[in-house]
Amino acid sequence: MKKYFILRLPQRPGALRDFLNFLGPEDDIARFEYLKKSARNFGSVLIGIETARPQNFQTLLAKLDAHGFTYQDITENETVAQFVI
């Protein structure tokens, strides 16, 4: 199963590493692209994540929520997806 997200990452050393630590052993990054810099303190990333089981997404999103990450699932949003995927 694969989903696409727009993820807002802080513009600081280690922010990407922090995110990667939330991925589980069955999760894989299928796409990663920095989008136009949107703010001085944050940057947006298009990320495609593939995993073996749907419940793995629930675990990942719970970790992102608990740590204050901002994201949007664009998998089912055809308007947005056609421009970035």
Protein backbone atom coordinates (compact mmCIF):
# COMPACT_ATOMS: atom_id res chain seq x y z
CA MET A 1 0.00 0.00 0.00
CA LYS A 2 1.30 3.45 -0.94
CA LYS A 3 0.30 6.93 0.21
CA TYR A 4 1.54 10.40 -0.66
CA PHE A 5 1.90 13.26 1.78
CA ILE A 6 2.93 16.88 1.86
CA LEU A 7 5.03 17.07 5.00
CA ARG A 8 6.18 20.28 6.64
CA LEU A 9 9.69 19.90 8.01
CA PRO A 10 11.49 22.40 10.24
CA GLN A 11 14.50 24.02 8.54
CA ARG A 12 17.03 22.79 11.07
CA PRO A 13 19.77 20.17 11.14
CA GLY A 14 18.40 16.75 12.01
CA ALA A 15 14.75 17.40 11.12
CA LEU A 16 14.75 14.85 8.30
CA ARG A 17 16.53 12.30 10.51
CA ASP A 18 13.85 12.82 13.18
CA PHE A 19 11.15 12.04 10.62
CA LEU A 20 12.97 8.97 9.30
CA ASN A 21 13.16 7.56 12.84
CA PHE A 22 9.34 7.38 12.86
CA LEU A 23 9.27 4.92 9.95
CA GLY A 24 8.72 1.28 10.83
CA PRO A 25 10.60 -1.78 9.57
CA GLU A 26 8.00 -2.41 6.83
CA ASP A 27 7.91 1.22 5.63
CA ASP A 28 9.80 2.39 2.56
CA ILE A 29 10.16 5.80 0.96
CA ALA A 30 8.90 5.52 -2.62
CA ARG A 31 9.32 9.22 -3.46
CA PHE A 32 10.97 12.19 -1.81
CA GLU A 33 11.11 15.70 -3.19
CA TYR A 34 11.64 19.06 -1.57
CA LEU A 35 8.99 21.49 -2.76
CA LYS A 36 9.41 25.21 -3.13
CA LYS A 37 10.59 26.72 0.12
CA SER A 38 7.45 27.99 1.78
CA ALA A 39 8.79 29.69 4.89
CA ARG A 40 12.00 30.61 6.55
CA ASN A 41 11.62 28.16 9.43
CA PHE A 42 9.85 25.35 7.58
CA GLY A 43 10.04 23.60 4.23
CA SER A 44 7.53 21.36 2.47
CA VAL A 45 8.35 17.89 1.22
CA LEU A 46 6.44 15.59 -1.10
CA ILE A 47 6.90 12.10 0.26
CA GLY A 48 5.54 8.79 -0.96
CA ILE A 49 5.57 6.01 1.60
CA GLU A 50 4.94 2.38 0.81
CA THR A 51 4.23 -0.18 3.51
CA ALA A 52 3.09 -3.77 3.79
CA ARG A 53 0.04 -3.21 5.99
CA PRO A 54 -2.46 -0.33 6.18
CA GLN A 55 -2.23 -0.16 9.98
CA ASN A 56 1.42 0.89 9.62
CA PHE A 57 0.14 4.27 8.40
CA GLN A 58 -1.94 4.66 11.55
CA THR A 59 1.19 4.09 13.65
CA LEU A 60 3.27 6.53 11.60
CA LEU A 61 0.64 9.28 11.63
CA ALA A 62 0.14 8.88 15.39
CA LYS A 63 3.89 9.44 15.88
CA LEU A 64 3.85 12.50 13.62
CA ASP A 65 0.86 13.94 15.50
CA ALA A 66 2.49 13.27 18.88
CA HIS A 67 5.63 15.13 17.81
CA GLY A 68 3.84 18.11 16.25
CA PHE A 69 4.59 17.45 12.58
CA THR A 70 2.22 19.04 10.06
CA TYR A 71 1.23 16.92 7.07
CA GLN A 72 -1.52 16.42 4.53
CA ASP A 73 -2.45 13.10 2.94
CA ILE A 74 -2.88 13.88 -0.77
CA THR A 75 -3.32 10.29 -1.96
CA GLU A 76 -7.02 10.68 -2.73
CA ASN A 77 -6.93 14.38 -3.64
CA GLU A 78 -6.88 14.18 -7.44
CA THR A 79 -6.54 17.95 -7.92
CA VAL A 80 -3.40 18.22 -5.81
CA ALA A 81 -1.99 14.86 -6.84
CA GLN A 82 -2.04 15.67 -10.56
CA PHE A 83 0.30 18.61 -9.94
CA VAL A 84 2.81 16.97 -7.63
CA ILE A 85 2.77 13.20 -8.16
